[in-house]
């Protein structure tokens, strides 16, 4: 994902949902949720890469966090 793609996606979400909380999920199998703690740009040999650092999280997330779209989870659903 490029920075432009990320900005476009975040803009769409902000327009639909407003200023909502941002968390990060990692590992697709048994996804864990963590707080975004830092955004750092590293420049090396005429290229740059953006890193989003996460931490302070130990809750499991929903299995569909990798669908790259909006998901709706019913309160009565115990599927994770």
PDB file of N, CA and C in Angstrom:
ATOM      1  N   UNK A   1       0.852  -1.176   0.000  1.00  0.00           N
ATOM      2  CA  UNK A   1       0.000   0.000   0.000  1.00  0.00           C
ATOM      3  C   UNK A   1       0.895   1.236   0.000  1.00  0.00           C
ATOM      4  N   UNK A   2       0.554   2.186  -0.837  1.00  0.00           N
ATOM      5  CA  UNK A   2       1.310   3.437  -0.885  1.00  0.00           C
ATOM      6  C   UNK A   2       0.686   4.459   0.069  1.00  0.00           C
ATOM      7  N   UNK A   3       1.412   5.540   0.321  1.00  0.00           N
ATOM      8  CA  UNK A   3       0.915   6.608   1.171  1.00  0.00           C
ATOM      9  C   UNK A   3      -0.362   7.210   0.588  1.00  0.00           C
ATOM     10  N   UNK A   4      -0.396   7.413  -0.714  1.00  0.00           N
ATOM     11  CA  UNK A   4      -1.594   7.957  -1.366  1.00  0.00           C
ATOM     12  C   UNK A   4      -2.786   7.033  -1.179  1.00  0.00           C
ATOM     13  N   UNK A   5      -2.584   5.723  -1.354  1.00  0.00           N
ATOM     14  CA  UNK A   5      -3.670   4.764  -1.141  1.00  0.00           C
ATOM     15  C   UNK A   5      -4.159   4.801   0.310  1.00  0.00           C
ATOM     16  N   UNK A   6      -3.230   4.900   1.247  1.00  0.00           N
ATOM     17  CA  UNK A   6      -3.594   4.969   2.656  1.00  0.00           C
ATOM     18  C   UNK A   6      -4.400   6.231   2.961  1.00  0.00           C
ATOM     19  N   UNK A   7      -3.946   7.368   2.462  1.00  0.00           N
ATOM     20  CA  UNK A   7      -4.653   8.636   2.677  1.00  0.00           C
ATOM     21  C   UNK A   7      -6.051   8.579   2.067  1.00  0.00           C
ATOM     22  N   UNK A   8      -6.160   8.058   0.849  1.00  0.00           N
ATOM     23  CA  UNK A   8      -7.469   7.945   0.193  1.00  0.00           C
ATOM     24  C   UNK A   8      -8.419   7.086   1.020  1.00  0.00           C
ATOM     25  N   UNK A   9      -7.933   5.950   1.497  1.00  0.00           N
ATOM     26  CA  UNK A   9      -8.778   5.041   2.289  1.00  0.00           C
ATOM     27  C   UNK A   9      -9.186   5.698   3.607  1.00  0.00           C
ATOM     28  N   UNK A  10      -8.234   6.349   4.276  1.00  0.00           N
ATOM     29  CA  UNK A  10      -8.542   7.011   5.544  1.00  0.00           C
ATOM     30  C   UNK A  10      -9.518   8.167   5.347  1.00  0.00           C
ATOM     31  N   UNK A  11      -9.394   8.887   4.246  1.00  0.00           N
ATOM     32  CA  UNK A  11     -10.323   9.985   3.943  1.00  0.00           C
ATOM     33  C   UNK A  11     -11.740   9.454   3.749  1.00  0.00           C
ATOM     34  N   UNK A  12     -11.882   8.343   3.021  1.00  0.00           N
ATOM     35  CA  UNK A  12     -13.194   7.721   2.831  1.00  0.00           C
ATOM     36  C   UNK A  12     -13.815   7.338   4.176  1.00  0.00           C
ATOM     37  N   UNK A  13     -13.016   6.740   5.038  1.00  0.00           N
ATOM     38  CA  UNK A  13     -13.511   6.301   6.346  1.00  0.00           C
ATOM     39  C   UNK A  13     -13.889   7.508   7.202  1.00  0.00           C
ATOM     40  N   UNK A  14     -13.077   8.562   7.167  1.00  0.00           N
ATOM     41  CA  UNK A  14     -13.381   9.765   7.950  1.00  0.00           C
ATOM     42  C   UNK A  14     -14.670  10.421   7.478  1.00  0.00           C
ATOM     43  N   UNK A  15     -14.877  10.463   6.172  1.00  0.00           N
ATOM     44  CA  UNK A  15     -16.107  11.051   5.630  1.00  0.00           C
ATOM     45  C   UNK A  15     -17.343  10.266   6.059  1.00  0.00           C
ATOM     46  N   UNK A  16     -17.205   8.942   6.168  1.00  0.00           N
ATOM     47  CA  UNK A  16     -18.350   8.107   6.536  1.00  0.00           C
ATOM     48  C   UNK A  16     -18.571   8.030   8.050  1.00  0.00           C
ATOM     49  N   UNK A  17     -17.481   8.016   8.840  1.00  0.00           N
ATOM     50  CA  UNK A  17     -17.599   7.742  10.270  1.00  0.00           C
ATOM     51  C   UNK A  17     -17.125   8.875  11.179  1.00  0.00           C
ATOM     52  N   UNK A  18     -16.520   9.918  10.634  1.00  0.00           N
ATOM     53  CA  UNK A  18     -16.006  11.005  11.468  1.00  0.00           C
ATOM     54  C   UNK A  18     -14.660  10.674  12.080  1.00  0.00           C
ATOM     55  N   UNK A  19     -14.343  11.336  13.174  1.00  0.00           N
ATOM     56  CA  UNK A  19     -13.040  11.196  13.821  1.00  0.00           C
ATOM     57  C   UNK A  19     -13.078  10.026  14.807  1.00  0.00           C
ATOM     58  N   UNK A  20     -12.858   8.812  14.296  1.00  0.00           N
ATOM     59  CA  UNK A  20     -12.958   7.598  15.108  1.00  0.00           C
ATOM     60  C   UNK A  20     -11.585   7.150  15.599  1.00  0.00           C
ATOM     61  N   UNK A  21     -11.589   6.285  16.609  1.00  0.00           N
ATOM     62  CA  UNK A  21     -10.356   5.739  17.165  1.00  0.00           C
ATOM     63  C   UNK A  21      -9.648   4.853  16.132  1.00  0.00           C
ATOM     64  N   UNK A  22      -8.311   4.883  16.132  1.00  0.00           N
ATOM     65  CA  UNK A  22      -7.515   4.068  15.223  1.00  0.00           C
ATOM     66  C   UNK A  22      -6.717   3.056  16.037  1.00  0.00           C
ATOM     67  N   UNK A  23      -6.881   1.784  15.718  1.00  0.00           N
ATOM     68  CA  UNK A  23      -6.098   0.710  16.304  1.00  0.00           C
ATOM     69  C   UNK A  23      -5.464  -0.071  15.163  1.00  0.00           C
ATOM     70  N   UNK A  24      -4.468  -0.869  15.464  1.00  0.00           N
ATOM     71  CA  UNK A  24      -3.820  -1.693  14.449  1.00  0.00           C
ATOM     72  C   UNK A  24      -4.036  -3.163  14.797  1.00  0.00           C
ATOM     73  N   UNK A  25      -4.130  -3.990  13.783  1.00  0.00           N
ATOM     74  CA  UNK A  25      -4.239  -5.434  13.986  1.00  0.00           C
ATOM     75  C   UNK A  25      -3.064  -6.098  13.276  1.00  0.00           C
ATOM     76  N   UNK A  26      -2.551  -7.157  13.874  1.00  0.00           N
ATOM     77  CA  UNK A  26      -1.471  -7.884  13.217  1.00  0.00           C
ATOM     78  C   UNK A  26      -1.674  -9.369  13.406  1.00  0.00           C
ATOM     79  N   UNK A  27      -1.076 -10.142  12.549  1.00  0.00           N
ATOM     80  CA  UNK A  27      -1.154 -11.584  12.361  1.00  0.00           C
ATOM     81  C   UNK A  27      -2.575 -12.016  12.002  1.00  0.00           C
ATOM     82  N   UNK A  28      -2.796 -12.422  10.738  1.00  0.00           N
ATOM     83  CA  UNK A  28      -4.125 -12.784  10.259  1.00  0.00           C
ATOM     84  C   UNK A  28      -4.783 -13.938  11.026  1.00  0.00           C
ATOM     85  N   UNK A  29      -4.010 -14.924  11.441  1.00  0.00           N
ATOM     86  CA  UNK A  29      -4.576 -16.023  12.227  1.00  0.00           C
ATOM     87  C   UNK A  29      -4.540 -15.613  13.688  1.00  0.00           C
ATOM     88  N   UNK A  30      -5.686 -15.601  14.338  1.00  0.00           N
ATOM     89  CA  UNK A  30      -5.822 -15.113  15.713  1.00  0.00           C
ATOM     90  C   UNK A  30      -5.293 -13.683  15.811  1.00  0.00           C
ATOM     91  N   UNK A  31      -5.918 -12.748  15.084  1.00  0.00           N
ATOM     92  CA  UNK A  31      -5.405 -11.378  15.030  1.00  0.00           C
ATOM     93  C   UNK A  31      -5.384 -10.704  16.395  1.00  0.00           C
ATOM     94  N   UNK A  32      -4.301 -10.003  16.667  1.00  0.00           N
ATOM     95  CA  UNK A  32      -4.156  -9.217  17.879  1.00  0.00           C
ATOM     96  C   UNK A  32      -4.359  -7.754  17.549  1.00  0.00           C
ATOM     97  N   UNK A  33      -4.929  -7.006  18.496  1.00  0.00           N
ATOM     98  CA  UNK A  33      -5.192  -5.587  18.313  1.00  0.00           C
ATOM     99  C   UNK A  33      -4.241  -4.804  19.204  1.00  0.00           C
ATOM    100  N   UNK A  34      -3.675  -3.706  18.666  1.00  0.00           N
ATOM    101  CA  UNK A  34      -2.753  -2.875  19.426  1.00  0.00           C
ATOM    102  C   UNK A  34      -2.984  -1.408  19.114  1.00  0.00           C
ATOM    103  N   UNK A  35      -2.537  -0.542  20.017  1.00  0.00           N
ATOM    104  CA  UNK A  35      -2.615   0.896  19.812  1.00  0.00           C
ATOM    105  C   UNK A  35      -1.512   1.345  18.862  1.00  0.00           C
ATOM    106  N   UNK A  36      -1.824   2.324  18.013  1.00  0.00           N
ATOM    107  CA  UNK A  36      -0.799   2.947  17.181  1.00  0.00           C
ATOM    108  C   UNK A  36      -0.025   3.899  18.087  1.00  0.00           C
ATOM    109  N   UNK A  37       1.283   3.702  18.203  1.00  0.00           N
ATOM    110  CA  UNK A  37       2.084   4.504  19.114  1.00  0.00           C
ATOM    111  C   UNK A  37       2.997   5.498  18.412  1.00  0.00           C
ATOM    112  N   UNK A  38       3.359   5.220  17.176  1.00  0.00           N
ATOM    113  CA  UNK A  38       4.256   6.134  16.468  1.00  0.00           C
ATOM    114  C   UNK A  38       4.155   5.899  14.973  1.00  0.00           C
ATOM    115  N   UNK A  39       4.403   6.964  14.220  1.00  0.00           N
ATOM    116  CA  UNK A  39       4.511   6.885  12.764  1.00  0.00           C
ATOM    117  C   UNK A  39       5.861   7.498  12.416  1.00  0.00           C
ATOM    118  N   UNK A  40       6.732   6.704  11.816  1.00  0.00           N
ATOM    119  CA  UNK A  40       8.114   7.116  11.572  1.00  0.00           C
ATOM    120  C   UNK A  40       8.460   6.917  10.106  1.00  0.00           C
ATOM    121  N   UNK A  41       9.169   7.879   9.537  1.00  0.00           N
ATOM    122  CA  UNK A  41       9.654   7.766   8.168  1.00  0.00           C
ATOM    123  C   UNK A  41      11.157   7.524   8.201  1.00  0.00           C
ATOM    124  N   UNK A  42      11.594   6.503   7.476  1.00  0.00           N
ATOM    125  CA  UNK A  42      13.012   6.167   7.391  1.00  0.00           C
ATOM    126  C   UNK A  42      13.463   6.391   5.959  1.00  0.00           C
ATOM    127  N   UNK A  43      14.467   7.257   5.781  1.00  0.00           N
ATOM    128  CA  UNK A  43      15.036   7.524   4.458  1.00  0.00           C
ATOM    129  C   UNK A  43      16.371   6.807   4.346  1.00  0.00           C
ATOM    130  N   UNK A  44      16.540   6.111   3.224  1.00  0.00           N
ATOM    131  CA  UNK A  44      17.781   5.376   3.009  1.00  0.00           C
ATOM    132  C   UNK A  44      18.001   5.204   1.510  1.00  0.00           C
ATOM    133  N   UNK A  45      19.152   5.605   1.029  1.00  0.00           N
ATOM    134  CA  UNK A  45      19.522   5.422  -0.379  1.00  0.00           C
ATOM    135  C   UNK A  45      18.454   5.955  -1.335  1.00  0.00           C
ATOM    136  N   UNK A  46      18.049   7.187  -1.145  1.00  0.00           N
ATOM    137  CA  UNK A  46      17.089   7.873  -2.013  1.00  0.00           C
ATOM    138  C   UNK A  46      15.686   7.266  -2.013  1.00  0.00           C
ATOM    139  N   UNK A  47      15.365   6.439  -1.040  1.00  0.00           N
ATOM    140  CA  UNK A  47      13.998   5.943  -0.888  1.00  0.00           C
ATOM    141  C   UNK A  47      13.556   6.182   0.553  1.00  0.00           C
ATOM    142  N   UNK A  48      12.280   6.245   0.750  1.00  0.00           N
ATOM    143  CA  UNK A  48      11.741   6.424   2.091  1.00  0.00           C
ATOM    144  C   UNK A  48      10.636   5.398   2.321  1.00  0.00           C
ATOM    145  N   UNK A  49      10.514   4.973   3.564  1.00  0.00           N
ATOM    146  CA  UNK A  49       9.479   4.028   3.963  1.00  0.00           C
ATOM    147  C   UNK A  49       8.813   4.545   5.222  1.00  0.00           C
ATOM    148  N   UNK A  50       7.492   4.464   5.277  1.00  0.00           N
ATOM    149  CA  UNK A  50       6.719   4.871   6.432  1.00  0.00           C
ATOM    150  C   UNK A  50       6.456   3.645   7.301  1.00  0.00           C
ATOM    151  N   UNK A  51       6.750   3.755   8.600  1.00  0.00           N
ATOM    152  CA  UNK A  51       6.503   2.670   9.542  1.00  0.00           C
ATOM    153  C   UNK A  51       5.464   3.119  10.554  1.00  0.00           C
ATOM    154  N   UNK A  52       4.504   2.267  10.815  1.00  0.00           N
ATOM    155  CA  UNK A  52       3.509   2.504  11.857  1.00  0.00           C
ATOM    156  C   UNK A  52       3.829   1.524  12.979  1.00  0.00           C
ATOM    157  N   UNK A  53       4.252   2.069  14.117  1.00  0.00           N
ATOM    158  CA  UNK A  53       4.630   1.231  15.253  1.00  0.00           C
ATOM    159  C   UNK A  53       3.429   1.033  16.170  1.00  0.00           C
ATOM    160  N   UNK A  54       3.243  -0.199  16.614  1.00  0.00           N
ATOM    161  CA  UNK A  54       2.110  -0.524  17.479  1.00  0.00           C
ATOM    162  C   UNK A  54       2.604  -1.159  18.777  1.00  0.00           C
ATOM    163  N   UNK A  55       1.768  -1.109  19.783  1.00  0.00           N
ATOM    164  CA  UNK A  55       2.106  -1.733  21.060  1.00  0.00           C
ATOM    165  C   UNK A  55       0.962  -1.599  22.032  1.00  0.00           C
ATOM    166  N   UNK A  56       1.184  -2.065  23.245  1.00  0.00           N
ATOM    167  CA  UNK A  56       0.197  -2.004  24.319  1.00  0.00           C
ATOM    168  C   UNK A  56      -1.129  -2.607  23.917  1.00  0.00           C
ATOM    169  N   UNK A  57      -1.078  -3.780  23.342  1.00  0.00           N
ATOM    170  CA  UNK A  57      -2.311  -4.455  22.984  1.00  0.00           C
ATOM    171  C   UNK A  57      -2.180  -5.939  23.197  1.00  0.00           C
ATOM    172  N   UNK A  58      -3.229  -6.540  23.684  1.00  0.00           N
ATOM    173  CA  UNK A  58      -3.199  -7.991  23.846  1.00  0.00           C
ATOM    174  C   UNK A  58      -4.580  -8.606  23.685  1.00  0.00           C
ATOM    175  N   UNK A  59      -5.491  -7.868  23.063  1.00  0.00           N
ATOM    176  CA  UNK A  59      -6.821  -8.399  22.809  1.00  0.00           C
ATOM    177  C   UNK A  59      -6.864  -9.018  21.420  1.00  0.00           C
ATOM    178  N   UNK A  60      -7.701 -10.041  21.273  1.00  0.00           N
ATOM    179  CA  UNK A  60      -7.888 -10.635  19.962  1.00  0.00           C
ATOM    180  C   UNK A  60      -8.905  -9.836  19.171  1.00  0.00           C
ATOM    181  N   UNK A  61      -8.686  -9.732  17.871  1.00  0.00           N
ATOM    182  CA  UNK A  61      -9.600  -9.040  16.986  1.00  0.00           C
ATOM    183  C   UNK A  61     -10.453 -10.018  16.204  1.00  0.00           C
ATOM    184  N   UNK A  62     -11.348  -9.480  15.405  1.00  0.00           N
ATOM    185  CA  UNK A  62     -12.241 -10.290  14.573  1.00  0.00           C
ATOM    186  C   UNK A  62     -11.456 -10.900  13.421  1.00  0.00           C
ATOM    187  N   UNK A  63     -11.803 -12.105  13.030  1.00  0.00           N
ATOM    188  CA  UNK A  63     -11.068 -12.813  11.976  1.00  0.00           C
ATOM    189  C   UNK A  63     -11.144 -12.112  10.629  1.00  0.00           C
ATOM    190  N   UNK A  64     -12.123 -11.235  10.410  1.00  0.00           N
ATOM    191  CA  UNK A  64     -12.280 -10.567   9.118  1.00  0.00           C
ATOM    192  C   UNK A  64     -11.564  -9.226   9.030  1.00  0.00           C
ATOM    193  N   UNK A  65     -10.628  -8.929   9.921  1.00  0.00           N
ATOM    194  CA  UNK A  65      -9.924  -7.649   9.866  1.00  0.00           C
ATOM    195  C   UNK A  65      -9.083  -7.487   8.607  1.00  0.00           C
ATOM    196  N   UNK A  66      -8.820  -8.563   7.891  1.00  0.00           N
ATOM    197  CA  UNK A  66      -8.021  -8.504   6.658  1.00  0.00           C
ATOM    198  C   UNK A  66      -8.900  -8.404   5.412  1.00  0.00           C
ATOM    199  N   UNK A  67     -10.194  -8.138   5.555  1.00  0.00           N
ATOM    200  CA  UNK A  67     -11.070  -8.068   4.378  1.00  0.00           C
ATOM    201  C   UNK A  67     -10.889  -6.760   3.622  1.00  0.00           C
ATOM    202  N   UNK A  68     -10.219  -5.745   4.199  1.00  0.00           N
ATOM    203  CA  UNK A  68      -9.947  -4.459   3.550  1.00  0.00           C
ATOM    204  C   UNK A  68     -11.236  -3.774   3.111  1.00  0.00           C
ATOM    205  N   UNK A  69     -12.239  -3.850   3.968  1.00  0.00           N
ATOM    206  CA  UNK A  69     -13.539  -3.239   3.711  1.00  0.00           C
ATOM    207  C   UNK A  69     -14.205  -3.035   5.056  1.00  0.00           C
ATOM    208  N   UNK A  70     -15.412  -2.545   5.053  1.00  0.00           N
ATOM    209  CA  UNK A  70     -16.159  -2.374   6.297  1.00  0.00           C
ATOM    210  C   UNK A  70     -16.830  -3.682   6.666  1.00  0.00           C
ATOM    211  N   UNK A  71     -16.757  -4.061   7.943  1.00  0.00           N
ATOM    212  CA  UNK A  71     -17.486  -5.230   8.424  1.00  0.00           C
ATOM    213  C   UNK A  71     -18.403  -4.782   9.553  1.00  0.00           C
ATOM    214  N   UNK A  72     -19.549  -5.406   9.650  1.00  0.00           N
ATOM    215  CA  UNK A  72     -20.490  -5.136  10.731  1.00  0.00           C
ATOM    216  C   UNK A  72     -20.595  -6.392  11.580  1.00  0.00           C
ATOM    217  N   UNK A  73     -20.375  -6.229  12.876  1.00  0.00           N
ATOM    218  CA  UNK A  73     -20.414  -7.355  13.802  1.00  0.00           C
ATOM    219  C   UNK A  73     -21.615  -7.171  14.708  1.00  0.00           C
ATOM    220  N   UNK A  74     -22.507  -8.159  14.717  1.00  0.00           N
ATOM    221  CA  UNK A  74     -23.667  -8.108  15.603  1.00  0.00           C
ATOM    222  C   UNK A  74     -23.215  -8.295  17.037  1.00  0.00           C
ATOM    223  N   UNK A  75     -23.861  -7.589  17.963  1.00  0.00           N
ATOM    224  CA  UNK A  75     -23.536  -7.730  19.386  1.00  0.00           C
ATOM    225  C   UNK A  75     -23.759  -9.153  19.887  1.00  0.00           C
ATOM    226  N   UNK A  76     -24.700  -9.878  19.289  1.00  0.00           N
ATOM    227  CA  UNK A  76     -25.019 -11.228  19.724  1.00  0.00           C
ATOM    228  C   UNK A  76     -24.058 -12.270  19.162  1.00  0.00           C
ATOM    229  N   UNK A  77     -23.196 -11.867  18.254  1.00  0.00           N
ATOM    230  CA  UNK A  77     -22.293 -12.822  17.614  1.00  0.00           C
ATOM    231  C   UNK A  77     -21.130 -13.131  18.528  1.00  0.00           C
ATOM    232  N   UNK A  78     -20.859 -14.427  18.755  1.00  0.00           N
ATOM    233  CA  UNK A  78     -19.693 -14.797  19.543  1.00  0.00           C
ATOM    234  C   UNK A  78     -18.593 -15.349  18.660  1.00  0.00           C
ATOM    235  N   UNK A  79     -18.700 -15.108  17.360  1.00  0.00           N
ATOM    236  CA  UNK A  79     -17.670 -15.552  16.420  1.00  0.00           C
ATOM    237  C   UNK A  79     -16.573 -14.506  16.358  1.00  0.00           C
ATOM    238  N   UNK A  80     -15.336 -14.931  16.578  1.00  0.00           N
ATOM    239  CA  UNK A  80     -14.216 -13.990  16.534  1.00  0.00           C
ATOM    240  C   UNK A  80     -13.146 -14.497  15.605  1.00  0.00           C
TER     241      UNK A  80
END
